[in-house]
C-alpha atoms as a PDB file:
ATOM      1  CA  UNK A   1     -29.275  -1.283  -9.928  1.00  0.00           C
ATOM      2  CA  UNK A   2     -29.036  -4.280 -11.568  1.00  0.00           C
ATOM      3  CA  UNK A   3     -25.827  -6.121 -12.042  1.00  0.00           C
ATOM      4  CA  UNK A   4     -24.411  -6.668 -15.293  1.00  0.00           C
ATOM      5  CA  UNK A   5     -21.570  -8.778 -16.811  1.00  0.00           C
ATOM      6  CA  UNK A   6     -19.297  -5.603 -16.822  1.00  0.00           C
ATOM      7  CA  UNK A   7     -19.706  -5.182 -13.283  1.00  0.00           C
ATOM      8  CA  UNK A   8     -18.781  -9.039 -12.658  1.00  0.00           C
ATOM      9  CA  UNK A   9     -15.932  -8.401 -14.747  1.00  0.00           C
ATOM     10  CA  UNK A  10     -14.783  -5.242 -13.013  1.00  0.00           C
ATOM     11  CA  UNK A  11     -15.212  -7.096  -9.749  1.00  0.00           C
ATOM     12  CA  UNK A  12     -12.730  -9.665 -11.019  1.00  0.00           C
ATOM     13  CA  UNK A  13     -10.338  -7.185 -12.382  1.00  0.00           C
ATOM     14  CA  UNK A  14     -10.325  -4.322  -9.803  1.00  0.00           C
ATOM     15  CA  UNK A  15     -12.627  -3.311  -7.141  1.00  0.00           C
ATOM     16  CA  UNK A  16     -11.836   0.421  -7.684  1.00  0.00           C
ATOM     17  CA  UNK A  17     -12.806   0.303 -11.182  1.00  0.00           C
ATOM     18  CA  UNK A  18     -15.955  -1.568 -10.480  1.00  0.00           C
ATOM     19  CA  UNK A  19     -16.949   1.178  -8.035  1.00  0.00           C
ATOM     20  CA  UNK A  20     -16.172   4.061 -10.396  1.00  0.00           C
ATOM     21  CA  UNK A  21     -18.005   2.325 -13.071  1.00  0.00           C
ATOM     22  CA  UNK A  22     -20.824   1.748 -10.688  1.00  0.00           C
ATOM     23  CA  UNK A  23     -21.042   5.451  -9.667  1.00  0.00           C
ATOM     24  CA  UNK A  24     -20.655   6.657 -13.361  1.00  0.00           C
ATOM     25  CA  UNK A  25     -17.191   8.190 -12.978  1.00  0.00           C
ATOM     26  CA  UNK A  26     -15.104   8.162 -16.216  1.00  0.00           C
ATOM     27  CA  UNK A  27     -11.820   9.235 -17.092  1.00  0.00           C
ATOM     28  CA  UNK A  28     -11.816  12.166 -19.759  1.00  0.00           C
ATOM     29  CA  UNK A  29     -10.547  10.323 -22.948  1.00  0.00           C
ATOM     30  CA  UNK A  30     -10.263  13.620 -24.958  1.00  0.00           C
ATOM     31  CA  UNK A  31      -8.171  15.423 -22.502  1.00  0.00           C
ATOM     32  CA  UNK A  32      -4.709  16.886 -23.702  1.00  0.00           C
ATOM     33  CA  UNK A  33      -3.601  15.916 -20.112  1.00  0.00           C
ATOM     34  CA  UNK A  34      -4.748  12.600 -20.442  1.00  0.00           C
ATOM     35  CA  UNK A  35      -3.236  12.288 -23.742  1.00  0.00           C
ATOM     36  CA  UNK A  36       0.311  13.519 -22.450  1.00  0.00           C
ATOM     37  CA  UNK A  37       0.027  10.979 -19.597  1.00  0.00           C
ATOM     38  CA  UNK A  38      -0.494   8.126 -21.879  1.00  0.00           C
ATOM     39  CA  UNK A  39       2.590   9.141 -23.767  1.00  0.00           C
ATOM     40  CA  UNK A  40       4.646   9.374 -20.670  1.00  0.00           C
ATOM     41  CA  UNK A  41       3.460   6.030 -19.521  1.00  0.00           C
ATOM     42  CA  UNK A  42       4.113   4.494 -22.808  1.00  0.00           C
ATOM     43  CA  UNK A  43       7.674   5.946 -23.412  1.00  0.00           C
ATOM     44  CA  UNK A  44       8.971   5.502 -19.623  1.00  0.00           C
ATOM     45  CA  UNK A  45      11.032   2.586 -18.727  1.00  0.00           C
ATOM     46  CA  UNK A  46      10.313   0.552 -22.196  1.00  0.00           C
ATOM     47  CA  UNK A  47      12.594  -2.349 -20.836  1.00  0.00           C
ATOM     48  CA  UNK A  48      10.801  -2.642 -17.578  1.00  0.00           C
ATOM     49  CA  UNK A  49       7.972  -5.099 -19.211  1.00  0.00           C
ATOM     50  CA  UNK A  50      10.450  -7.679 -20.212  1.00  0.00           C
ATOM     51  CA  UNK A  51      12.490  -7.199 -16.968  1.00  0.00           C
ATOM     52  CA  UNK A  52       9.817  -8.316 -14.688  1.00  0.00           C
ATOM     53  CA  UNK A  53       8.252 -11.128 -16.889  1.00  0.00           C
END
């Protein structure tokens, strides 16, 4: 396996994300459950971002 720029970027960003990427594990982007989770994430605690800046 060769190390690419993506590997280096993920190493700087998140070691878990690097491990998942290096082992070929990806999230289901087309799953209804993933879509619902994204909606919940976006609508939960909308004021939280500005509160913790």
